[in-house]
Amino acid sequence: LMISHQLSAAAACDRILVIEDGQLVQQGHHSVLVEEDGAYRRLWEREQ
């Protein structure tokens, strides 16, 4: 279980859990989450 602020490292994982305000808001592989309009995509665009 890798907790990270580096989304580039998280992109290589089997699955990603996205947490906001103590709740699970998204989960899935990087290639799927980055195409969805949600918290993960916003975090990814901010890092890029």
All heavy atoms as atom14 arrays in JSON, in Angstrom:
{
  "sequence": "LMISHQLSAAAACDRILVIEDGQLVQQGHHSVLVEEDGAYRRLWEREQ",
  "atom14_mask": [
    [1, 1, 1, 1, 1, 1, 1, 1, 0, 0, 0, 0, 0, 0],
    [1, 1, 1, 1, 1, 1, 1, 1, 0, 0, 0, 0, 0, 0],
    [1, 1, 1, 1, 1, 1, 1, 1, 0, 0, 0, 0, 0, 0],
    [1, 1, 1, 1, 1, 1, 0, 0, 0, 0, 0, 0, 0, 0],
    [1, 1, 1, 1, 1, 1, 1, 1, 1, 1, 0, 0, 0, 0],
    [1, 1, 1, 1, 1, 1, 1, 1, 1, 0, 0, 0, 0, 0],
    [1, 1, 1, 1, 1, 1, 1, 1, 0, 0, 0, 0, 0, 0],
    [1, 1, 1, 1, 1, 1, 0, 0, 0, 0, 0, 0, 0, 0],
    [1, 1, 1, 1, 1, 0, 0, 0, 0, 0, 0, 0, 0, 0],
    [1, 1, 1, 1, 1, 0, 0, 0, 0, 0, 0, 0, 0, 0],
    [1, 1, 1, 1, 1, 0, 0, 0, 0, 0, 0, 0, 0, 0],
    [1, 1, 1, 1, 1, 0, 0, 0, 0, 0, 0, 0, 0, 0],
    [1, 1, 1, 1, 1, 1, 0, 0, 0, 0, 0, 0, 0, 0],
    [1, 1, 1, 1, 1, 1, 1, 1, 0, 0, 0, 0, 0, 0],
    [1, 1, 1, 1, 1, 1, 1, 1, 1, 1, 1, 0, 0, 0],
    [1, 1, 1, 1, 1, 1, 1, 1, 0, 0, 0, 0, 0, 0],
    [1, 1, 1, 1, 1, 1, 1, 1, 0, 0, 0, 0, 0, 0],
    [1, 1, 1, 1, 1, 1, 1, 0, 0, 0, 0, 0, 0, 0],
    [1, 1, 1, 1, 1, 1, 1, 1, 0, 0, 0, 0, 0, 0],
    [1, 1, 1, 1, 1, 1, 1, 1, 1, 0, 0, 0, 0, 0],
    [1, 1, 1, 1, 1, 1, 1, 1, 0, 0, 0, 0, 0, 0],
    [1, 1, 1, 1, 0, 0, 0, 0, 0, 0, 0, 0, 0, 0],
    [1, 1, 1, 1, 1, 1, 1, 1, 1, 0, 0, 0, 0, 0],
    [1, 1, 1, 1, 1, 1, 1, 1, 0, 0, 0, 0, 0, 0],
    [1, 1, 1, 1, 1, 1, 1, 0, 0, 0, 0, 0, 0, 0],
    [1, 1, 1, 1, 1, 1, 1, 1, 1, 0, 0, 0, 0, 0],
    [1, 1, 1, 1, 1, 1, 1, 1, 1, 0, 0, 0, 0, 0],
    [1, 1, 1, 1, 0, 0, 0, 0, 0, 0, 0, 0, 0, 0],
    [1, 1, 1, 1, 1, 1, 1, 1, 1, 1, 0, 0, 0, 0],
    [1, 1, 1, 1, 1, 1, 1, 1, 1, 1, 0, 0, 0, 0],
    [1, 1, 1, 1, 1, 1, 0, 0, 0, 0, 0, 0, 0, 0],
    [1, 1, 1, 1, 1, 1, 1, 0, 0, 0, 0, 0, 0, 0],
    [1, 1, 1, 1, 1, 1, 1, 1, 0, 0, 0, 0, 0, 0],
    [1, 1, 1, 1, 1, 1, 1, 0, 0, 0, 0, 0, 0, 0],
    [1, 1, 1, 1, 1, 1, 1, 1, 1, 0, 0, 0, 0, 0],
    [1, 1, 1, 1, 1, 1, 1, 1, 1, 0, 0, 0, 0, 0],
    [1, 1, 1, 1, 1, 1, 1, 1, 0, 0, 0, 0, 0, 0],
    [1, 1, 1, 1, 0, 0, 0, 0, 0, 0, 0, 0, 0, 0],
    [1, 1, 1, 1, 1, 0, 0, 0, 0, 0, 0, 0, 0, 0],
    [1, 1, 1, 1, 1, 1, 1, 1, 1, 1, 1, 1, 0, 0],
    [1, 1, 1, 1, 1, 1, 1, 1, 1, 1, 1, 0, 0, 0],
    [1, 1, 1, 1, 1, 1, 1, 1, 1, 1, 1, 0, 0, 0],
    [1, 1, 1, 1, 1, 1, 1, 1, 0, 0, 0, 0, 0, 0],
    [1, 1, 1, 1, 1, 1, 1, 1, 1, 1, 1, 1, 1, 1],
    [1, 1, 1, 1, 1, 1, 1, 1, 1, 0, 0, 0, 0, 0],
    [1, 1, 1, 1, 1, 1, 1, 1, 1, 1, 1, 0, 0, 0],
    [1, 1, 1, 1, 1, 1, 1, 1, 1, 0, 0, 0, 0, 0],
    [1, 1, 1, 1, 1, 1, 1, 1, 1, 0, 0, 0, 0, 0]
  ],
  "atom14_positions": [
    [[0.88, -1.17, 0.0], [0.0, 0.0, 0.0], [0.91, 1.22, 0.0], [1.6, 1.49, 1.0], [-0.9, -0.02, 1.24], [-2.14, 0.9, 1.2], [-3.11, 0.44, 0.13], [-2.82, 0.92, 2.56], [0.0, 0.0, 0.0], [0.0, 0.0, 0.0], [0.0, 0.0, 0.0], [0.0, 0.0, 0.0], [0.0, 0.0, 0.0], [0.0, 0.0, 0.0]],
    [[0.95, 1.93, -1.1], [1.87, 3.05, -1.26], [1.11, 4.37, -1.2], [0.34, 4.7, -2.12], [2.63, 2.95, -2.58], [3.72, 4.0, -2.72], [4.61, 3.93, -4.29], [3.37, 4.59, -5.4], [0.0, 0.0, 0.0], [0.0, 0.0, 0.0], [0.0, 0.0, 0.0], [0.0, 0.0, 0.0], [0.0, 0.0, 0.0], [0.0, 0.0, 0.0]],
    [[1.32, 5.09, -0.13], [0.73, 6.42, 0.02], [1.72, 7.42, -0.55], [2.89, 7.43, -0.15], [0.44, 6.72, 1.5], [-0.62, 5.73, 2.02], [-0.02, 8.15, 1.7], [-0.78, 5.76, 3.51], [0.0, 0.0, 0.0], [0.0, 0.0, 0.0], [0.0, 0.0, 0.0], [0.0, 0.0, 0.0], [0.0, 0.0, 0.0], [0.0, 0.0, 0.0]],
    [[1.28, 8.21, -1.5], [2.24, 9.06, -2.2], [1.6, 10.33, -2.71], [0.41, 10.36, -3.04], [2.86, 8.28, -3.37], [3.76, 9.09, -4.1], [0.0, 0.0, 0.0], [0.0, 0.0, 0.0], [0.0, 0.0, 0.0], [0.0, 0.0, 0.0], [0.0, 0.0, 0.0], [0.0, 0.0, 0.0], [0.0, 0.0, 0.0], [0.0, 0.0, 0.0]],
    [[2.43, 11.39, -2.78], [2.03, 12.62, -3.45], [2.54, 12.63, -4.9], [2.18, 13.52, -5.68], [2.6, 13.84, -2.72], [1.97, 14.06, -1.37], [2.53, 13.58, -0.2], [0.84, 14.7, -1.0], [1.76, 13.91, 0.82], [0.73, 14.6, 0.37], [0.0, 0.0, 0.0], [0.0, 0.0, 0.0], [0.0, 0.0, 0.0], [0.0, 0.0, 0.0]],
    [[3.39, 11.65, -5.22], [3.96, 11.57, -6.57], [3.05, 10.7, -7.44], [3.12, 9.48, -7.4], [5.37, 10.99, -6.51], [6.36, 11.82, -5.7], [7.68, 11.08, -5.5], [7.71, 9.97, -5.0], [8.76, 11.72, -5.91], [0.0, 0.0, 0.0], [0.0, 0.0, 0.0], [0.0, 0.0, 0.0], [0.0, 0.0, 0.0], [0.0, 0.0, 0.0]],
    [[2.2, 11.33, -8.23], [1.27, 10.57, -9.06], [1.98, 9.81, -10.17], [1.49, 8.79, -10.65], [0.22, 11.51, -9.66], [-0.66, 12.26, -8.65], [-1.8, 12.95, -9.38], [-1.21, 11.32, -7.59], [0.0, 0.0, 0.0], [0.0, 0.0, 0.0], [0.0, 0.0, 0.0], [0.0, 0.0, 0.0], [0.0, 0.0, 0.0], [0.0, 0.0, 0.0]],
    [[3.18, 10.28, -10.56], [3.93, 9.55, -11.58], [4.36, 8.19, -11.05], [4.42, 7.22, -11.82], [5.15, 10.37, -12.0], [5.93, 10.73, -10.86], [0.0, 0.0, 0.0], [0.0, 0.0, 0.0], [0.0, 0.0, 0.0], [0.0, 0.0, 0.0], [0.0, 0.0, 0.0], [0.0, 0.0, 0.0], [0.0, 0.0, 0.0], [0.0, 0.0, 0.0]],
    [[4.67, 8.1, -9.75], [5.0, 6.81, -9.15], [3.74, 5.98, -8.98], [3.74, 4.76, -9.18], [5.7, 7.02, -7.81], [0.0, 0.0, 0.0], [0.0, 0.0, 0.0], [0.0, 0.0, 0.0], [0.0, 0.0, 0.0], [0.0, 0.0, 0.0], [0.0, 0.0, 0.0], [0.0, 0.0, 0.0], [0.0, 0.0, 0.0], [0.0, 0.0, 0.0]],
    [[2.64, 6.63, -8.62], [1.37, 5.91, -8.43], [0.85, 5.34, -9.74], [0.13, 4.34, -9.76], [0.33, 6.85, -7.82], [0.0, 0.0, 0.0], [0.0, 0.0, 0.0], [0.0, 0.0, 0.0], [0.0, 0.0, 0.0], [0.0, 0.0, 0.0], [0.0, 0.0, 0.0], [0.0, 0.0, 0.0], [0.0, 0.0, 0.0], [0.0, 0.0, 0.0]],
    [[1.23, 5.97, -10.85], [0.73, 5.53, -12.15], [1.19, 4.11, -12.48], [0.55, 3.42, -13.29], [1.2, 6.5, -13.24], [0.0, 0.0, 0.0], [0.0, 0.0, 0.0], [0.0, 0.0, 0.0], [0.0, 0.0, 0.0], [0.0, 0.0, 0.0], [0.0, 0.0, 0.0], [0.0, 0.0, 0.0], [0.0, 0.0, 0.0], [0.0, 0.0, 0.0]],
    [[2.29, 3.66, -11.87], [2.81, 2.32, -12.16], [2.16, 1.24, -11.29], [2.5, 0.07, -11.44], [4.32, 2.31, -11.96], [0.0, 0.0, 0.0], [0.0, 0.0, 0.0], [0.0, 0.0, 0.0], [0.0, 0.0, 0.0], [0.0, 0.0, 0.0], [0.0, 0.0, 0.0], [0.0, 0.0, 0.0], [0.0, 0.0, 0.0], [0.0, 0.0, 0.0]],
    [[1.26, 1.62, -10.42], [0.64, 0.66, -9.5], [-0.5, -0.09, -10.17], [-1.06, 0.34, -11.19], [0.13, 1.39, -8.26], [1.45, 2.14, -7.27], [0.0, 0.0, 0.0], [0.0, 0.0, 0.0], [0.0, 0.0, 0.0], [0.0, 0.0, 0.0], [0.0, 0.0, 0.0], [0.0, 0.0, 0.0], [0.0, 0.0, 0.0], [0.0, 0.0, 0.0]],
    [[-0.88, -1.21, -9.58], [-2.0, -2.01, -10.11], [-3.31, -1.24, -10.03], [-4.16, -1.34, -10.92], [-2.14, -3.31, -9.31], [-0.89, -4.17, -9.39], [-0.16, -4.05, -10.39], [-0.64, -4.94, -8.45], [0.0, 0.0, 0.0], [0.0, 0.0, 0.0], [0.0, 0.0, 0.0], [0.0, 0.0, 0.0], [0.0, 0.0, 0.0], [0.0, 0.0, 0.0]],
    [[-3.45, -0.5, -8.94], [-4.71, 0.21, -8.72], [-4.42, 1.44, -7.88], [-3.43, 1.48, -7.12], [-5.7, -0.71, -7.99], [-7.12, -0.2, -7.91], [-8.11, -1.38, -7.76], [-7.71, -2.32, -6.73], [-8.18, -2.31, -5.48], [-9.06, -1.39, -5.13], [-7.79, -3.22, -4.62], [0.0, 0.0, 0.0], [0.0, 0.0, 0.0], [0.0, 0.0, 0.0]],
    [[-5.27, 2.43, -8.01], [-5.1, 3.68, -7.26], [-6.39, 3.97, -6.5], [-7.49, 3.9, -7.08], [-4.77, 4.87, -8.2], [-3.47, 4.6, -8.95], [-4.67, 6.17, -7.4], [-3.15, 5.63, -10.03], [0.0, 0.0, 0.0], [0.0, 0.0, 0.0], [0.0, 0.0, 0.0], [0.0, 0.0, 0.0], [0.0, 0.0, 0.0], [0.0, 0.0, 0.0]],
    [[-6.26, 4.28, -5.21], [-7.38, 4.72, -4.39], [-7.26, 6.23, -4.21], [-6.21, 6.72, -3.77], [-7.37, 4.03, -3.03], [-7.36, 2.5, -3.01], [-7.35, 1.99, -1.57], [-8.54, 1.93, -3.77], [0.0, 0.0, 0.0], [0.0, 0.0, 0.0], [0.0, 0.0, 0.0], [0.0, 0.0, 0.0], [0.0, 0.0, 0.0], [0.0, 0.0, 0.0]],
    [[-8.3, 6.96, -4.55], [-8.29, 8.41, -4.43], [-9.18, 8.8, -3.25], [-10.37, 8.44, -3.22], [-8.8, 9.09, -5.72], [-8.66, 10.61, -5.61], [-8.05, 8.56, -6.93], [0.0, 0.0, 0.0], [0.0, 0.0, 0.0], [0.0, 0.0, 0.0], [0.0, 0.0, 0.0], [0.0, 0.0, 0.0], [0.0, 0.0, 0.0], [0.0, 0.0, 0.0]],
    [[-8.6, 9.52, -2.28], [-9.31, 9.9, -1.06], [-9.48, 11.41, -1.02], [-8.53, 12.16, -1.32], [-8.57, 9.41, 0.18], [-8.46, 7.88, 0.17], [-9.26, 9.87, 1.46], [-7.68, 7.32, 1.34], [0.0, 0.0, 0.0], [0.0, 0.0, 0.0], [0.0, 0.0, 0.0], [0.0, 0.0, 0.0], [0.0, 0.0, 0.0], [0.0, 0.0, 0.0]],
    [[-10.65, 11.86, -0.67], [-10.93, 13.27, -0.41], [-11.8, 13.37, 0.83], [-12.8, 12.65, 0.96], [-11.66, 13.92, -1.6], [-10.74, 14.56, -2.6], [-11.5, 15.44, -3.58], [-12.72, 15.27, -3.74], [-10.85, 16.32, -4.18], [0.0, 0.0, 0.0], [0.0, 0.0, 0.0], [0.0, 0.0, 0.0], [0.0, 0.0, 0.0], [0.0, 0.0, 0.0]],
    [[-11.41, 14.25, 1.74], [-12.16, 14.47, 2.98], [-12.45, 13.16, 3.71], [-13.55, 12.95, 4.25], [-13.48, 15.21, 2.69], [-13.25, 16.59, 2.13], [-12.26, 17.23, 2.53], [-14.04, 17.02, 1.28], [0.0, 0.0, 0.0], [0.0, 0.0, 0.0], [0.0, 0.0, 0.0], [0.0, 0.0, 0.0], [0.0, 0.0, 0.0], [0.0, 0.0, 0.0]],
    [[-11.48, 12.26, 3.71], [-11.62, 11.02, 4.46], [-12.5, 9.97, 3.81], [-12.83, 8.96, 4.44], [0.0, 0.0, 0.0], [0.0, 0.0, 0.0], [0.0, 0.0, 0.0], [0.0, 0.0, 0.0], [0.0, 0.0, 0.0], [0.0, 0.0, 0.0], [0.0, 0.0, 0.0], [0.0, 0.0, 0.0], [0.0, 0.0, 0.0], [0.0, 0.0, 0.0]],
    [[-12.88, 10.18, 2.55], [-13.75, 9.23, 1.86], [-13.11, 8.8, 0.54], [-12.35, 9.56, -0.08], [-15.12, 9.84, 1.58], [-15.92, 10.17, 2.84], [-17.25, 10.82, 2.51], [-17.36, 11.58, 1.55], [-18.27, 10.51, 3.3], [0.0, 0.0, 0.0], [0.0, 0.0, 0.0], [0.0, 0.0, 0.0], [0.0, 0.0, 0.0], [0.0, 0.0, 0.0]],
    [[-13.43, 7.59, 0.12], [-12.95, 7.08, -1.16], [-13.85, 7.64, -2.27], [-15.05, 7.34, -2.32], [-12.98, 5.55, -1.19], [-12.46, 4.89, -2.47], [-10.98, 5.15, -2.66], [-12.73, 3.39, -2.43], [0.0, 0.0, 0.0], [0.0, 0.0, 0.0], [0.0, 0.0, 0.0], [0.0, 0.0, 0.0], [0.0, 0.0, 0.0], [0.0, 0.0, 0.0]],
    [[-13.28, 8.45, -3.16], [-14.08, 9.09, -4.21], [-13.83, 8.46, -5.58], [-14.68, 8.56, -6.47], [-13.81, 10.6, -4.27], [-14.27, 11.28, -2.99], [-12.32, 10.89, -4.5], [0.0, 0.0, 0.0], [0.0, 0.0, 0.0], [0.0, 0.0, 0.0], [0.0, 0.0, 0.0], [0.0, 0.0, 0.0], [0.0, 0.0, 0.0], [0.0, 0.0, 0.0]],
    [[-12.68, 7.8, -5.75], [-12.38, 7.14, -7.01], [-11.43, 5.98, -6.76], [-10.64, 6.0, -5.79], [-11.71, 8.11, -8.01], [-12.63, 9.1, -8.69], [-11.86, 9.98, -9.66], [-11.07, 10.82, -9.25], [-12.09, 9.76, -10.96], [0.0, 0.0, 0.0], [0.0, 0.0, 0.0], [0.0, 0.0, 0.0], [0.0, 0.0, 0.0], [0.0, 0.0, 0.0]],
    [[-11.47, 4.98, -7.63], [-10.46, 3.93, -7.61], [-10.38, 3.3, -8.99], [-11.36, 3.26, -9.74], [-10.77, 2.87, -6.56], [-12.03, 2.08, -6.76], [-12.15, 0.96, -5.74], [-11.18, 0.26, -5.48], [-13.33, 0.81, -5.15], [0.0, 0.0, 0.0], [0.0, 0.0, 0.0], [0.0, 0.0, 0.0], [0.0, 0.0, 0.0], [0.0, 0.0, 0.0]],
    [[-9.18, 2.82, -9.32], [-8.98, 2.21, -10.62], [-7.54, 2.38, -11.06], [-6.69, 2.9, -10.32], [0.0, 0.0, 0.0], [0.0, 0.0, 0.0], [0.0, 0.0, 0.0], [0.0, 0.0, 0.0], [0.0, 0.0, 0.0], [0.0, 0.0, 0.0], [0.0, 0.0, 0.0], [0.0, 0.0, 0.0], [0.0, 0.0, 0.0], [0.0, 0.0, 0.0]],
    [[-7.26, 1.98, -12.3], [-5.91, 2.13, -12.84], [-5.71, 3.56, -13.34], [-6.66, 4.26, -13.69], [-5.69, 1.14, -13.99], [-4.26, 1.04, -14.41], [-3.73, 1.81, -15.43], [-3.23, 0.27, -13.95], [-2.45, 1.53, -15.58], [-2.12, 0.59, -14.69], [0.0, 0.0, 0.0], [0.0, 0.0, 0.0], [0.0, 0.0, 0.0], [0.0, 0.0, 0.0]],
    [[-4.45, 3.97, -13.37], [-4.12, 5.33, -13.79], [-4.7, 5.66, -15.16], [-5.27, 6.75, -15.37], [-2.59, 5.5, -13.81], [-2.14, 6.73, -14.54], [-2.22, 8.0, -14.0], [-1.61, 6.89, -15.79], [-1.76, 8.88, -14.86], [-1.37, 8.24, -15.96], [0.0, 0.0, 0.0], [0.0, 0.0, 0.0], [0.0, 0.0, 0.0], [0.0, 0.0, 0.0]],
    [[-4.58, 4.72, -16.11], [-5.03, 4.98, -17.48], [-6.53, 5.25, -17.54], [-7.0, 5.98, -18.43], [-4.68, 3.79, -18.38], [-5.29, 2.61, -17.9], [0.0, 0.0, 0.0], [0.0, 0.0, 0.0], [0.0, 0.0, 0.0], [0.0, 0.0, 0.0], [0.0, 0.0, 0.0], [0.0, 0.0, 0.0], [0.0, 0.0, 0.0], [0.0, 0.0, 0.0]],
    [[-7.28, 4.68, -16.61], [-8.73, 4.9, -16.57], [-9.06, 6.19, -15.83], [-9.86, 7.01, -16.29], [-9.43, 3.7, -15.91], [-10.94, 3.97, -15.78], [-9.18, 2.42, -16.7], [0.0, 0.0, 0.0], [0.0, 0.0, 0.0], [0.0, 0.0, 0.0], [0.0, 0.0, 0.0], [0.0, 0.0, 0.0], [0.0, 0.0, 0.0], [0.0, 0.0, 0.0]],
    [[-8.43, 6.37, -14.68], [-8.75, 7.54, -13.83], [-8.39, 8.85, -14.5], [-9.07, 9.87, -14.32], [-8.03, 7.42, -12.48], [-8.46, 6.27, -11.57], [-7.61, 6.25, -10.31], [-9.94, 6.4, -11.2], [0.0, 0.0, 0.0], [0.0, 0.0, 0.0], [0.0, 0.0, 0.0], [0.0, 0.0, 0.0], [0.0, 0.0, 0.0], [0.0, 0.0, 0.0]],
    [[-7.3, 8.85, -15.27], [-6.85, 10.11, -15.87], [-7.81, 10.57, -16.98], [-7.81, 11.75, -17.37], [-5.41, 9.95, -16.42], [-5.41, 9.2, -17.75], [-4.72, 11.3, -16.53], [0.0, 0.0, 0.0], [0.0, 0.0, 0.0], [0.0, 0.0, 0.0], [0.0, 0.0, 0.0], [0.0, 0.0, 0.0], [0.0, 0.0, 0.0], [0.0, 0.0, 0.0]],
    [[-8.63, 9.64, -17.48], [-9.6, 10.0, -18.51], [-10.93, 10.44, -17.92], [-11.76, 11.02, -18.63], [-9.83, 8.8, -19.44], [-8.6, 8.36, -20.21], [-8.08, 9.45, -21.15], [-8.91, 10.25, -21.63], [-6.86, 9.5, -21.4], [0.0, 0.0, 0.0], [0.0, 0.0, 0.0], [0.0, 0.0, 0.0], [0.0, 0.0, 0.0], [0.0, 0.0, 0.0]],
    [[-11.14, 10.15, -16.63], [-12.4, 10.51, -15.99], [-12.31, 11.93, -15.41], [-11.24, 12.38, -14.98], [-12.72, 9.53, -14.85], [-12.99, 8.11, -15.32], [-13.29, 7.18, -14.16], [-13.23, 7.65, -12.99], [-13.57, 5.99, -14.41], [0.0, 0.0, 0.0], [0.0, 0.0, 0.0], [0.0, 0.0, 0.0], [0.0, 0.0, 0.0], [0.0, 0.0, 0.0]],
    [[-13.43, 12.6, -15.4], [-13.48, 13.94, -14.8], [-13.68, 13.77, -13.3], [-14.76, 13.39, -12.84], [-14.64, 14.74, -15.41], [-14.65, 16.18, -14.89], [-13.61, 16.61, -14.35], [-15.7, 16.84, -14.99], [0.0, 0.0, 0.0], [0.0, 0.0, 0.0], [0.0, 0.0, 0.0], [0.0, 0.0, 0.0], [0.0, 0.0, 0.0], [0.0, 0.0, 0.0]],
    [[-12.62, 13.99, -12.54], [-12.73, 13.78, -11.1], [-11.49, 14.27, -10.38], [-10.64, 14.99, -10.94], [0.0, 0.0, 0.0], [0.0, 0.0, 0.0], [0.0, 0.0, 0.0], [0.0, 0.0, 0.0], [0.0, 0.0, 0.0], [0.0, 0.0, 0.0], [0.0, 0.0, 0.0], [0.0, 0.0, 0.0], [0.0, 0.0, 0.0], [0.0, 0.0, 0.0]],
    [[-11.38, 13.88, -9.11], [-10.31, 14.38, -8.25], [-8.94, 13.95, -8.76], [-7.99, 14.74, -8.75], [-10.52, 13.86, -6.82], [0.0, 0.0, 0.0], [0.0, 0.0, 0.0], [0.0, 0.0, 0.0], [0.0, 0.0, 0.0], [0.0, 0.0, 0.0], [0.0, 0.0, 0.0], [0.0, 0.0, 0.0], [0.0, 0.0, 0.0], [0.0, 0.0, 0.0]],
    [[-8.84, 12.68, -9.24], [-7.53, 12.21, -9.69], [-7.04, 13.0, -10.89], [-5.86, 13.36, -10.97], [-7.59, 10.72, -10.03], [-6.24, 10.17, -10.42], [-5.31, 9.8, -9.44], [-5.88, 10.02, -11.76], [-4.06, 9.31, -9.79], [-4.62, 9.52, -12.11], [-3.71, 9.17, -11.12], [-2.48, 8.68, -11.46], [0.0, 0.0, 0.0], [0.0, 0.0, 0.0]],
    [[-7.92, 13.25, -11.81], [-7.52, 14.0, -13.01], [-7.04, 15.4, -12.64], [-6.06, 15.89, -13.21], [-8.7, 14.06, -13.98], [-8.37, 14.76, -15.3], [-9.55, 14.64, -16.24], [-9.3, 15.32, -17.5], [-10.14, 15.32, -18.52], [-11.3, 14.66, -18.44], [-9.85, 15.97, -19.63], [0.0, 0.0, 0.0], [0.0, 0.0, 0.0], [0.0, 0.0, 0.0]],
    [[-7.73, 16.04, -11.7], [-7.31, 17.38, -11.27], [-5.92, 17.32, -10.63], [-5.07, 18.18, -10.88], [-8.33, 17.96, -10.29], [-9.67, 18.29, -10.92], [-10.51, 19.16, -9.99], [-10.79, 18.49, -8.72], [-11.84, 17.69, -8.51], [-12.69, 17.45, -9.51], [-12.03, 17.14, -7.34], [0.0, 0.0, 0.0], [0.0, 0.0, 0.0], [0.0, 0.0, 0.0]],
    [[-5.7, 16.32, -9.79], [-4.38, 16.17, -9.17], [-3.31, 15.89, -10.2], [-2.2, 16.44, -10.13], [-4.42, 15.02, -8.15], [-5.25, 15.25, -6.88], [-5.37, 13.95, -6.08], [-4.63, 16.34, -6.01], [0.0, 0.0, 0.0], [0.0, 0.0, 0.0], [0.0, 0.0, 0.0], [0.0, 0.0, 0.0], [0.0, 0.0, 0.0], [0.0, 0.0, 0.0]],
    [[-3.61, 15.05, -11.18], [-2.64, 14.74, -12.22], [-2.29, 15.97, -13.06], [-1.1, 16.23, -13.33], [-3.21, 13.62, -13.11], [-2.33, 13.28, -14.27], [-2.49, 13.68, -15.56], [-1.15, 12.48, -14.24], [-1.49, 13.18, -16.36], [-0.65, 12.43, -15.57], [-0.47, 11.79, -13.25], [0.5, 11.72, -15.91], [0.68, 11.08, -13.59], [1.15, 11.05, -14.9]],
    [[-3.3, 16.73, -13.46], [-3.04, 17.93, -14.26], [-2.23, 18.96, -13.47], [-1.37, 19.64, -14.03], [-4.37, 18.54, -14.72], [-5.1, 17.68, -15.75], [-6.47, 18.22, -16.1], [-6.93, 19.14, -15.37], [-7.08, 17.75, -17.09], [0.0, 0.0, 0.0], [0.0, 0.0, 0.0], [0.0, 0.0, 0.0], [0.0, 0.0, 0.0], [0.0, 0.0, 0.0]],
    [[-2.51, 19.05, -12.18], [-1.76, 19.99, -11.34], [-0.3, 19.57, -11.25], [0.6, 20.41, -11.33], [-2.4, 20.03, -9.95], [-1.84, 21.12, -9.04], [-2.51, 21.07, -7.68], [-3.97, 21.13, -7.83], [-4.81, 20.77, -6.87], [-4.35, 20.3, -5.72], [-6.12, 20.87, -7.07], [0.0, 0.0, 0.0], [0.0, 0.0, 0.0], [0.0, 0.0, 0.0]],
    [[-0.04, 18.27, -11.12], [1.34, 17.79, -11.03], [2.07, 17.99, -12.35], [3.24, 18.41, -12.37], [1.37, 16.31, -10.64], [2.79, 15.76, -10.5], [2.81, 14.33, -10.02], [2.43, 14.08, -8.85], [3.22, 13.45, -10.81], [0.0, 0.0, 0.0], [0.0, 0.0, 0.0], [0.0, 0.0, 0.0], [0.0, 0.0, 0.0], [0.0, 0.0, 0.0]],
    [[1.4, 17.72, -13.45], [2.03, 17.9, -14.76], [2.36, 19.37, -15.01], [3.42, 19.7, -15.55], [1.11, 17.38, -15.86], [0.87, 15.87, -15.82], [2.17, 15.1, -15.95], [2.92, 15.27, -16.9], [2.45, 14.25, -14.96], [0.0, 0.0, 0.0], [0.0, 0.0, 0.0], [0.0, 0.0, 0.0], [0.0, 0.0, 0.0], [0.0, 0.0, 0.0]]
  ]
}
